[in-house]
Amino acid sequence: MGVNLGAFISPLTVAWLRIHYGWSVAFMSAAVAMLFSLITFITFKHYLAAADVKDETSRGHTAALSSSDVRSRVITLLAIFGISLVFWIAFYQIFYTFTFWARDSTATSWPPERFQTFEPLGVILLSPVLVAIWAWLQRRNAEPSTPVKMLMGVALVGTAFGALAYAGAIGGDTGRVSPLWLISANLLIAAGEIALSPMGMSLVNRLSPPRLRGLMMGGWFASLGIGGYLSGSIGVYWDRMPHSRFFLMVVAILVLVAVPLSLLTPQIKRTLQRAEA
């Protein structure tokens, strides 16, 4: 929630600074924000002292894991990292091709950056709703497993890009369409992020062999970084094909991931059950 509060506020404030004072001030605002963050950390870091105490309780548990258990967990996590990587390839289009779509293909006078607020706003508003739904299903022994929730996240993001592909086909490829298409896509992606991102981080924490937990969590964040890099690699096709076809290309990439994930779900569930046992 803290991350998404910042993600919601920053496009509004930085866009306002860019419009009224230019790019230099807009970029400088990020440096000023980082300075405030550093001051905040230095001021309150003594409250985090307990987090710096190394946990020695996992050593006995680590010794109890067989090499086959460790190998099974690591292989499962590598598959999760692959799923995460492709999800972020699609997700980071919010800050790239979606901005071009907002500027060139959306019938609005808003600054294009303003549309970036809807995804974090969706996370803020929809997180309590989805948590309540999971809790309601859990009480009825019907809550989806973690890998199924991640599959739902990929499906929601694929639906968002499918909707934009349709919007491109009915006019957005060469003209302008309603901003509701882009807003709706951002909200669908927000629901997908809720279903995949925190679930994936939880899965990494639960499945990682204790001595490898830091490395595996680093692998999770590496998947974010590589996904962001590759989002730019496919983004170069934005000007080389109709927008509708570009969005369909992203849908195809997500489908190529969703199918293996659905096949891996039983294996992931078994590995998770053994880890928790």
C-alpha atoms as a PDB file:
ATOM      1  CA  MET A   1       0.000   0.000   0.000  1.00  0.00           C
ATOM      2  CA  GLY A   2       2.882   2.339   0.771  1.00  0.00           C
ATOM      3  CA  VAL A   3       4.524   1.705  -2.583  1.00  0.00           C
ATOM      4  CA  ASN A   4       1.271   2.302  -4.436  1.00  0.00           C
ATOM      5  CA  LEU A   5       0.452   5.473  -2.524  1.00  0.00           C
ATOM      6  CA  GLY A   6       3.704   6.875  -3.880  1.00  0.00           C
ATOM      7  CA  ALA A   7       2.956   5.501  -7.351  1.00  0.00           C
ATOM      8  CA  PHE A   8      -0.463   7.197  -7.251  1.00  0.00           C
ATOM      9  CA  ILE A   9       0.751  10.609  -6.070  1.00  0.00           C
ATOM     10  CA  SER A  10       3.928  10.932  -8.135  1.00  0.00           C
ATOM     11  CA  PRO A  11       2.438  11.016 -11.683  1.00  0.00           C
ATOM     12  CA  LEU A  12       0.051  13.760 -10.558  1.00  0.00           C
ATOM     13  CA  THR A  13       2.695  15.943  -8.929  1.00  0.00           C
ATOM     14  CA  VAL A  14       5.460  15.370 -11.479  1.00  0.00           C
ATOM     15  CA  ALA A  15       3.102  15.948 -14.425  1.00  0.00           C
ATOM     16  CA  TRP A  16       1.997  19.225 -12.822  1.00  0.00           C
ATOM     17  CA  LEU A  17       5.624  20.287 -12.365  1.00  0.00           C
ATOM     18  CA  ARG A  18       6.481  19.347 -15.960  1.00  0.00           C
ATOM     19  CA  ILE A  19       3.553  21.333 -17.373  1.00  0.00           C
ATOM     20  CA  HIS A  20       4.153  24.457 -15.286  1.00  0.00           C
ATOM     21  CA  TYR A  21       7.946  24.501 -14.831  1.00  0.00           C
ATOM     22  CA  GLY A  22       9.455  22.184 -17.455  1.00  0.00           C
ATOM     23  CA  TRP A  23      11.367  18.932 -17.547  1.00  0.00           C
ATOM     24  CA  SER A  24      14.315  20.096 -15.422  1.00  0.00           C
ATOM     25  CA  VAL A  25      12.128  20.800 -12.392  1.00  0.00           C
ATOM     26  CA  ALA A  26      10.202  17.560 -12.936  1.00  0.00           C
ATOM     27  CA  PHE A  27      13.409  15.528 -12.877  1.00  0.00           C
ATOM     28  CA  MET A  28      14.779  17.504  -9.916  1.00  0.00           C
ATOM     29  CA  SER A  29      11.635  16.660  -7.924  1.00  0.00           C
ATOM     30  CA  ALA A  30      12.766  13.013  -7.905  1.00  0.00           C
ATOM     31  CA  ALA A  31      16.138  14.011  -6.445  1.00  0.00           C
ATOM     32  CA  VAL A  32      14.418  16.109  -3.775  1.00  0.00           C
ATOM     33  CA  ALA A  33      12.114  13.204  -2.930  1.00  0.00           C
ATOM     34  CA  MET A  34      15.107  10.883  -2.546  1.00  0.00           C
ATOM     35  CA  LEU A  35      16.734  13.426  -0.221  1.00  0.00           C
ATOM     36  CA  PHE A  36      13.636  13.440   1.991  1.00  0.00           C
ATOM     37  CA  SER A  37      13.657   9.643   1.940  1.00  0.00           C
ATOM     38  CA  LEU A  38      17.286   9.539   3.047  1.00  0.00           C
ATOM     39  CA  ILE A  39      16.629  12.030   5.852  1.00  0.00           C
ATOM     40  CA  THR A  40      13.624   9.966   6.985  1.00  0.00           C
ATOM     41  CA  PHE A  41      15.667   6.775   7.016  1.00  0.00           C
ATOM     42  CA  ILE A  42      18.546   8.296   8.968  1.00  0.00           C
ATOM     43  CA  THR A  43      16.149   9.854  11.470  1.00  0.00           C
ATOM     44  CA  PHE A  44      14.168   6.696  12.187  1.00  0.00           C
ATOM     45  CA  LYS A  45      16.658   3.913  11.446  1.00  0.00           C
ATOM     46  CA  HIS A  46      17.021   3.043  15.156  1.00  0.00           C
ATOM     47  CA  TYR A  47      13.486   1.636  15.002  1.00  0.00           C
ATOM     48  CA  LEU A  48      14.773  -0.897  12.444  1.00  0.00           C
ATOM     49  CA  ALA A  49      17.606  -2.181  14.623  1.00  0.00           C
ATOM     50  CA  ALA A  50      15.790  -5.450  15.339  1.00  0.00           C
ATOM     51  CA  ALA A  51      15.669  -6.230  11.608  1.00  0.00           C
ATOM     52  CA  ASP A  52      19.479  -6.245  11.535  1.00  0.00           C
ATOM     53  CA  VAL A  53      19.724  -9.134  14.015  1.00  0.00           C
ATOM     54  CA  LYS A  54      20.614 -12.329  12.168  1.00  0.00           C
ATOM     55  CA  ASP A  55      18.178 -15.183  12.681  1.00  0.00           C
ATOM     56  CA  GLU A  56      20.066 -18.296  13.758  1.00  0.00           C
ATOM     57  CA  THR A  57      16.989 -20.466  14.281  1.00  0.00           C
ATOM     58  CA  SER A  58      16.887 -21.769  10.704  1.00  0.00           C
ATOM     59  CA  ARG A  59      20.130 -23.738  10.859  1.00  0.00           C
ATOM     60  CA  GLY A  60      18.555 -26.882  12.258  1.00  0.00           C
ATOM     61  CA  HIS A  61      15.784 -26.738   9.672  1.00  0.00           C
ATOM     62  CA  THR A  62      18.325 -26.291   6.901  1.00  0.00           C
ATOM     63  CA  ALA A  63      20.166 -29.413   7.980  1.00  0.00           C
ATOM     64  CA  ALA A  64      16.914 -31.408   7.809  1.00  0.00           C
ATOM     65  CA  LEU A  65      16.423 -30.665   4.110  1.00  0.00           C
ATOM     66  CA  SER A  66      17.675 -33.296   1.718  1.00  0.00           C
ATOM     67  CA  SER A  67      19.491 -32.335  -1.459  1.00  0.00           C
ATOM     68  CA  SER A  68      16.486 -33.493  -3.492  1.00  0.00           C
ATOM     69  CA  ASP A  69      14.175 -31.236  -1.451  1.00  0.00           C
ATOM     70  CA  VAL A  70      16.459 -28.258  -2.013  1.00  0.00           C
ATOM     71  CA  ARG A  71      16.717 -29.027  -5.725  1.00  0.00           C
ATOM     72  CA  SER A  72      12.931 -29.391  -6.076  1.00  0.00           C
ATOM     73  CA  ARG A  73      12.316 -26.065  -4.338  1.00  0.00           C
ATOM     74  CA  VAL A  74      14.917 -24.196  -6.391  1.00  0.00           C
ATOM     75  CA  ILE A  75      13.615 -25.592  -9.704  1.00  0.00           C
ATOM     76  CA  THR A  76      10.060 -24.625  -8.739  1.00  0.00           C
ATOM     77  CA  LEU A  77      11.191 -21.118  -7.832  1.00  0.00           C
ATOM     78  CA  LEU A  78      13.056 -20.742 -11.134  1.00  0.00           C
ATOM     79  CA  ALA A  79       9.773 -21.514 -12.901  1.00  0.00           C
ATOM     80  CA  ILE A  80       8.049 -18.869 -10.760  1.00  0.00           C
ATOM     81  CA  PHE A  81      10.754 -16.358 -11.722  1.00  0.00           C
ATOM     82  CA  GLY A  82      10.071 -17.053 -15.401  1.00  0.00           C
ATOM     83  CA  ILE A  83       6.363 -16.440 -14.896  1.00  0.00           C
ATOM     84  CA  SER A  84       7.120 -13.251 -12.980  1.00  0.00           C
ATOM     85  CA  LEU A  85       9.498 -12.017 -15.670  1.00  0.00           C
ATOM     86  CA  VAL A  86       6.892 -12.238 -18.429  1.00  0.00           C
ATOM     87  CA  PHE A  87       4.218 -10.670 -16.216  1.00  0.00           C
ATOM     88  CA  TRP A  88       6.450  -7.628 -15.683  1.00  0.00           C
ATOM     89  CA  ILE A  89       7.174  -7.369 -19.408  1.00  0.00           C
ATOM     90  CA  ALA A  90       3.464  -6.663 -19.820  1.00  0.00           C
ATOM     91  CA  PHE A  91       3.086  -4.648 -16.620  1.00  0.00           C
ATOM     92  CA  TYR A  92       5.798  -2.104 -17.419  1.00  0.00           C
ATOM     93  CA  GLN A  93       4.030  -1.119 -20.626  1.00  0.00           C
ATOM     94  CA  ILE A  94       2.005   1.134 -18.264  1.00  0.00           C
ATOM     95  CA  PHE A  95       5.010   3.465 -18.138  1.00  0.00           C
ATOM     96  CA  TYR A  96       5.974   3.078 -21.796  1.00  0.00           C
ATOM     97  CA  THR A  97       3.544   2.292 -24.615  1.00  0.00           C
ATOM     98  CA  PHE A  98       0.488   3.115 -22.483  1.00  0.00           C
ATOM     99  CA  THR A  99       1.815   6.674 -22.209  1.00  0.00           C
ATOM    100  CA  PHE A 100       2.090   6.921 -25.991  1.00  0.00           C
ATOM    101  CA  TRP A 101      -1.436   5.505 -26.294  1.00  0.00           C
ATOM    102  CA  ALA A 102      -2.712   8.091 -23.802  1.00  0.00           C
ATOM    103  CA  ARG A 103      -0.979  10.904 -25.707  1.00  0.00           C
ATOM    104  CA  ASP A 104      -1.827   9.889 -29.273  1.00  0.00           C
ATOM    105  CA  SER A 105      -4.857   7.570 -29.216  1.00  0.00           C
ATOM    106  CA  THR A 106      -7.020   8.716 -26.289  1.00  0.00           C
ATOM    107  CA  ALA A 107      -9.712  11.392 -26.623  1.00  0.00           C
ATOM    108  CA  THR A 108      -8.763  13.517 -23.637  1.00  0.00           C
ATOM    109  CA  SER A 109      -7.007  16.738 -22.703  1.00  0.00           C
ATOM    110  CA  TRP A 110      -5.306  15.142 -19.687  1.00  0.00           C
ATOM    111  CA  PRO A 111      -1.523  14.969 -19.501  1.00  0.00           C
ATOM    112  CA  PRO A 112      -0.605  11.419 -20.559  1.00  0.00           C
ATOM    113  CA  GLU A 113       1.234  10.779 -17.273  1.00  0.00           C
ATOM    114  CA  ARG A 114      -2.022  11.147 -15.356  1.00  0.00           C
ATOM    115  CA  PHE A 115      -3.281   7.796 -16.597  1.00  0.00           C
ATOM    116  CA  GLN A 116      -0.443   6.115 -14.686  1.00  0.00           C
ATOM    117  CA  THR A 117      -2.304   6.886 -11.453  1.00  0.00           C
ATOM    118  CA  PHE A 118      -5.136   4.450 -12.126  1.00  0.00           C
ATOM    119  CA  GLU A 119      -3.105   1.264 -11.697  1.00  0.00           C
ATOM    120  CA  PRO A 120      -1.782   2.099  -8.207  1.00  0.00           C
ATOM    121  CA  LEU A 121      -5.181   3.546  -7.292  1.00  0.00           C
ATOM    122  CA  GLY A 122      -6.689   0.231  -8.338  1.00  0.00           C
ATOM    123  CA  VAL A 123      -4.234  -1.645  -6.121  1.00  0.00           C
ATOM    124  CA  ILE A 124      -5.120   0.580  -3.150  1.00  0.00           C
ATOM    125  CA  LEU A 125      -8.874   0.213  -3.645  1.00  0.00           C
ATOM    126  CA  LEU A 126      -9.029  -3.427  -4.753  1.00  0.00           C
ATOM    127  CA  SER A 127      -6.550  -4.974  -2.275  1.00  0.00           C
ATOM    128  CA  PRO A 128      -9.021  -4.940   0.674  1.00  0.00           C
ATOM    129  CA  VAL A 129     -11.734  -6.305  -1.608  1.00  0.00           C
ATOM    130  CA  LEU A 130      -9.640  -9.231  -2.842  1.00  0.00           C
ATOM    131  CA  VAL A 131      -8.331  -9.962   0.660  1.00  0.00           C
ATOM    132  CA  ALA A 132     -11.938 -10.110   1.890  1.00  0.00           C
ATOM    133  CA  ILE A 133     -12.856 -12.458  -0.965  1.00  0.00           C
ATOM    134  CA  TRP A 134      -9.891 -14.743  -0.226  1.00  0.00           C
ATOM    135  CA  ALA A 135     -10.841 -14.803   3.474  1.00  0.00           C
ATOM    136  CA  TRP A 136     -14.493 -15.577   2.622  1.00  0.00           C
ATOM    137  CA  LEU A 137     -13.416 -18.444   0.363  1.00  0.00           C
ATOM    138  CA  GLN A 138     -10.917 -19.705   2.948  1.00  0.00           C
ATOM    139  CA  ARG A 139     -13.676 -20.069   5.546  1.00  0.00           C
ATOM    140  CA  ARG A 140     -15.471 -22.312   3.048  1.00  0.00           C
ATOM    141  CA  ASN A 141     -12.328 -24.267   2.146  1.00  0.00           C
ATOM    142  CA  ALA A 142     -12.580 -22.918  -1.385  1.00  0.00           C
ATOM    143  CA  GLU A 143      -9.709 -20.424  -1.503  1.00  0.00           C
ATOM    144  CA  PRO A 144      -7.582 -20.807  -4.668  1.00  0.00           C
ATOM    145  CA  SER A 145      -4.022 -21.964  -4.144  1.00  0.00           C
ATOM    146  CA  THR A 146      -1.145 -19.515  -4.568  1.00  0.00           C
ATOM    147  CA  PRO A 147      -0.182 -20.745  -8.081  1.00  0.00           C
ATOM    148  CA  VAL A 148      -3.839 -20.523  -9.165  1.00  0.00           C
ATOM    149  CA  LYS A 149      -3.993 -16.929  -7.916  1.00  0.00           C
ATOM    150  CA  MET A 150      -0.871 -16.165  -9.928  1.00  0.00           C
ATOM    151  CA  LEU A 151      -2.495 -17.727 -12.988  1.00  0.00           C
ATOM    152  CA  MET A 152      -5.507 -15.493 -12.394  1.00  0.00           C
ATOM    153  CA  GLY A 153      -3.164 -12.495 -12.300  1.00  0.00           C
ATOM    154  CA  VAL A 154      -1.698 -13.391 -15.695  1.00  0.00           C
ATOM    155  CA  ALA A 155      -5.224 -13.895 -17.088  1.00  0.00           C
ATOM    156  CA  LEU A 156      -6.374 -10.481 -15.843  1.00  0.00           C
ATOM    157  CA  VAL A 157      -3.404  -8.724 -17.430  1.00  0.00           C
ATOM    158  CA  GLY A 158      -4.004 -10.626 -20.658  1.00  0.00           C
ATOM    159  CA  THR A 159      -7.637  -9.468 -20.583  1.00  0.00           C
ATOM    160  CA  ALA A 160      -6.481  -5.858 -20.177  1.00  0.00           C
ATOM    161  CA  PHE A 161      -4.277  -6.056 -23.253  1.00  0.00           C
ATOM    162  CA  GLY A 162      -7.011  -7.848 -25.166  1.00  0.00           C
ATOM    163  CA  ALA A 163      -9.381  -4.971 -24.392  1.00  0.00           C
ATOM    164  CA  LEU A 164      -6.838  -2.444 -25.659  1.00  0.00           C
ATOM    165  CA  ALA A 165      -6.309  -4.516 -28.800  1.00  0.00           C
ATOM    166  CA  TYR A 166     -10.045  -4.268 -29.448  1.00  0.00           C
ATOM    167  CA  ALA A 167      -9.964  -0.522 -28.747  1.00  0.00           C
ATOM    168  CA  GLY A 168      -7.180  -0.180 -31.300  1.00  0.00           C
ATOM    169  CA  ALA A 169      -9.110  -2.159 -33.885  1.00  0.00           C
ATOM    170  CA  ILE A 170     -12.231   0.020 -33.548  1.00  0.00           C
ATOM    171  CA  GLY A 171     -10.378   3.298 -33.927  1.00  0.00           C
ATOM    172  CA  GLY A 172      -7.334   3.629 -31.708  1.00  0.00           C
ATOM    173  CA  ASP A 173      -4.896   2.436 -34.370  1.00  0.00           C
ATOM    174  CA  THR A 174      -5.412   5.553 -36.479  1.00  0.00           C
ATOM    175  CA  GLY A 175      -7.508   7.890 -34.310  1.00  0.00           C
ATOM    176  CA  ARG A 176      -8.652   8.432 -30.751  1.00  0.00           C
ATOM    177  CA  VAL A 177     -10.951   6.394 -28.529  1.00  0.00           C
ATOM    178  CA  SER A 178     -12.553   6.861 -25.115  1.00  0.00           C
ATOM    179  CA  PRO A 179     -10.152   7.154 -22.151  1.00  0.00           C
ATOM    180  CA  LEU A 180     -12.282   4.517 -20.402  1.00  0.00           C
ATOM    181  CA  TRP A 181     -10.461   1.835 -22.395  1.00  0.00           C
ATOM    182  CA  LEU A 182      -7.109   2.795 -20.891  1.00  0.00           C
ATOM    183  CA  ILE A 183      -8.556   3.360 -17.417  1.00  0.00           C
ATOM    184  CA  SER A 184     -10.243  -0.050 -17.470  1.00  0.00           C
ATOM    185  CA  ALA A 185      -7.051  -1.722 -18.662  1.00  0.00           C
ATOM    186  CA  ASN A 186      -5.096  -0.153 -15.803  1.00  0.00           C
ATOM    187  CA  LEU A 187      -7.659  -1.358 -13.246  1.00  0.00           C
ATOM    188  CA  LEU A 188      -7.547  -4.899 -14.659  1.00  0.00           C
ATOM    189  CA  ILE A 189      -3.761  -4.848 -14.451  1.00  0.00           C
ATOM    190  CA  ALA A 190      -4.049  -3.634 -10.837  1.00  0.00           C
ATOM    191  CA  ALA A 191      -6.186  -6.664  -9.986  1.00  0.00           C
ATOM    192  CA  GLY A 192      -3.672  -8.860 -11.771  1.00  0.00           C
ATOM    193  CA  GLU A 193      -0.793  -7.363  -9.815  1.00  0.00           C
ATOM    194  CA  ILE A 194      -2.593  -8.025  -6.523  1.00  0.00           C
ATOM    195  CA  ALA A 195      -3.161 -11.636  -7.529  1.00  0.00           C
ATOM    196  CA  LEU A 196       0.410 -12.254  -8.696  1.00  0.00           C
ATOM    197  CA  SER A 197       3.002  -9.956  -7.118  1.00  0.00           C
ATOM    198  CA  PRO A 198       2.436 -10.383  -3.342  1.00  0.00           C
ATOM    199  CA  MET A 199       1.528 -14.031  -3.891  1.00  0.00           C
ATOM    200  CA  GLY A 200       4.782 -14.610  -5.749  1.00  0.00           C
ATOM    201  CA  MET A 201       6.844 -12.923  -3.046  1.00  0.00           C
ATOM    202  CA  SER A 202       5.068 -15.007  -0.410  1.00  0.00           C
ATOM    203  CA  LEU A 203       5.764 -18.160  -2.413  1.00  0.00           C
ATOM    204  CA  VAL A 204       9.468 -17.311  -2.649  1.00  0.00           C
ATOM    205  CA  ASN A 205       9.615 -16.766   1.107  1.00  0.00           C
ATOM    206  CA  ARG A 206       7.794 -20.027   1.853  1.00  0.00           C
ATOM    207  CA  LEU A 207       9.619 -22.248  -0.628  1.00  0.00           C
ATOM    208  CA  SER A 208      13.197 -20.964  -0.394  1.00  0.00           C
ATOM    209  CA  PRO A 209      15.651 -23.187   1.495  1.00  0.00           C
ATOM    210  CA  PRO A 210      16.552 -21.044   4.544  1.00  0.00           C
ATOM    211  CA  ARG A 211      20.221 -20.636   3.596  1.00  0.00           C
ATOM    212  CA  LEU A 212      19.206 -19.556   0.081  1.00  0.00           C
ATOM    213  CA  ARG A 213      16.302 -17.302   1.012  1.00  0.00           C
ATOM    214  CA  GLY A 214      18.187 -14.053   0.378  1.00  0.00           C
ATOM    215  CA  LEU A 215      19.475 -15.325  -2.972  1.00  0.00           C
ATOM    216  CA  MET A 216      16.017 -16.518  -4.042  1.00  0.00           C
ATOM    217  CA  MET A 217      14.392 -13.228  -3.052  1.00  0.00           C
ATOM    218  CA  GLY A 218      17.087 -11.516  -5.108  1.00  0.00           C
ATOM    219  CA  GLY A 219      16.066 -13.756  -8.000  1.00  0.00           C
ATOM    220  CA  TRP A 220      12.484 -12.553  -7.635  1.00  0.00           C
ATOM    221  CA  PHE A 221      13.538  -8.926  -7.904  1.00  0.00           C
ATOM    222  CA  ALA A 222      15.895  -9.788 -10.760  1.00  0.00           C
ATOM    223  CA  SER A 223      12.834 -11.043 -12.644  1.00  0.00           C
ATOM    224  CA  LEU A 224      11.284  -7.583 -12.156  1.00  0.00           C
ATOM    225  CA  GLY A 225      14.393  -5.890 -13.482  1.00  0.00           C
ATOM    226  CA  ILE A 226      14.789  -8.162 -16.502  1.00  0.00           C
ATOM    227  CA  GLY A 227      11.061  -7.880 -17.217  1.00  0.00           C
ATOM    228  CA  GLY A 228      11.373  -4.098 -17.201  1.00  0.00           C
ATOM    229  CA  TYR A 229      14.331  -4.259 -19.575  1.00  0.00           C
ATOM    230  CA  LEU A 230      12.544  -6.606 -21.967  1.00  0.00           C
ATOM    231  CA  SER A 231       9.408  -4.451 -21.875  1.00  0.00           C
ATOM    232  CA  GLY A 232      11.477  -1.834 -23.647  1.00  0.00           C
ATOM    233  CA  SER A 233      12.813  -4.427 -26.081  1.00  0.00           C
ATOM    234  CA  ILE A 234       9.324  -5.289 -27.319  1.00  0.00           C
ATOM    235  CA  GLY A 235       8.258  -1.649 -27.026  1.00  0.00           C
ATOM    236  CA  VAL A 236      10.343  -0.795 -30.083  1.00  0.00           C
ATOM    237  CA  TYR A 237       7.624  -2.477 -32.167  1.00  0.00           C
ATOM    238  CA  TRP A 238       5.080   0.137 -31.090  1.00  0.00           C
ATOM    239  CA  ASP A 239       5.809   2.289 -34.156  1.00  0.00           C
ATOM    240  CA  ARG A 240       6.351  -0.674 -36.486  1.00  0.00           C
ATOM    241  CA  MET A 241       2.904  -2.285 -36.276  1.00  0.00           C
ATOM    242  CA  PRO A 242      -0.700  -1.239 -35.604  1.00  0.00           C
ATOM    243  CA  HIS A 243      -1.361  -0.682 -31.918  1.00  0.00           C
ATOM    244  CA  SER A 244      -3.995  -3.422 -31.865  1.00  0.00           C
ATOM    245  CA  ARG A 245      -1.457  -5.928 -33.187  1.00  0.00           C
ATOM    246  CA  PHE A 246       1.119  -4.808 -30.610  1.00  0.00           C
ATOM    247  CA  PHE A 247      -1.345  -5.403 -27.767  1.00  0.00           C
ATOM    248  CA  LEU A 248      -2.240  -8.812 -29.228  1.00  0.00           C
ATOM    249  CA  MET A 249       1.477  -9.651 -29.306  1.00  0.00           C
ATOM    250  CA  VAL A 250       1.622  -9.017 -25.553  1.00  0.00           C
ATOM    251  CA  VAL A 251      -1.459 -11.212 -25.067  1.00  0.00           C
ATOM    252  CA  ALA A 252       0.292 -14.003 -26.991  1.00  0.00           C
ATOM    253  CA  ILE A 253       3.372 -13.700 -24.771  1.00  0.00           C
ATOM    254  CA  LEU A 254       1.192 -13.963 -21.654  1.00  0.00           C
ATOM    255  CA  VAL A 255      -0.632 -17.004 -23.041  1.00  0.00           C
ATOM    256  CA  LEU A 256       2.686 -18.724 -23.709  1.00  0.00           C
ATOM    257  CA  VAL A 257       3.390 -18.329 -19.973  1.00  0.00           C
ATOM    258  CA  ALA A 258      -0.098 -19.096 -18.684  1.00  0.00           C
ATOM    259  CA  VAL A 259      -0.194 -22.544 -20.325  1.00  0.00           C
ATOM    260  CA  PRO A 260       3.039 -23.843 -18.699  1.00  0.00           C
ATOM    261  CA  LEU A 261       1.947 -22.314 -15.376  1.00  0.00           C
ATOM    262  CA  SER A 262      -1.336 -24.200 -15.509  1.00  0.00           C
ATOM    263  CA  LEU A 263       0.582 -27.431 -16.180  1.00  0.00           C
ATOM    264  CA  LEU A 264       3.038 -26.717 -13.343  1.00  0.00           C
ATOM    265  CA  THR A 265       0.337 -25.907 -10.781  1.00  0.00           C
ATOM    266  CA  PRO A 266       0.083 -29.459  -9.314  1.00  0.00           C
ATOM    267  CA  GLN A 267       3.888 -29.681  -8.986  1.00  0.00           C
ATOM    268  CA  ILE A 268       4.077 -26.262  -7.307  1.00  0.00           C
ATOM    269  CA  LYS A 269       1.288 -27.228  -4.893  1.00  0.00           C
ATOM    270  CA  ARG A 270       3.030 -30.493  -3.963  1.00  0.00           C
ATOM    271  CA  THR A 271       6.354 -28.746  -3.411  1.00  0.00           C
ATOM    272  CA  LEU A 272       4.643 -26.098  -1.279  1.00  0.00           C
ATOM    273  CA  GLN A 273       2.831 -28.725   0.811  1.00  0.00           C
ATOM    274  CA  ARG A 274       6.108 -30.570   1.479  1.00  0.00           C
ATOM    275  CA  ALA A 275       7.830 -27.296   2.409  1.00  0.00           C
ATOM    276  CA  GLU A 276       5.096 -26.312   4.854  1.00  0.00           C
ATOM    277  CA  ALA A 277       5.025 -29.803   6.353  1.00  0.00           C
END
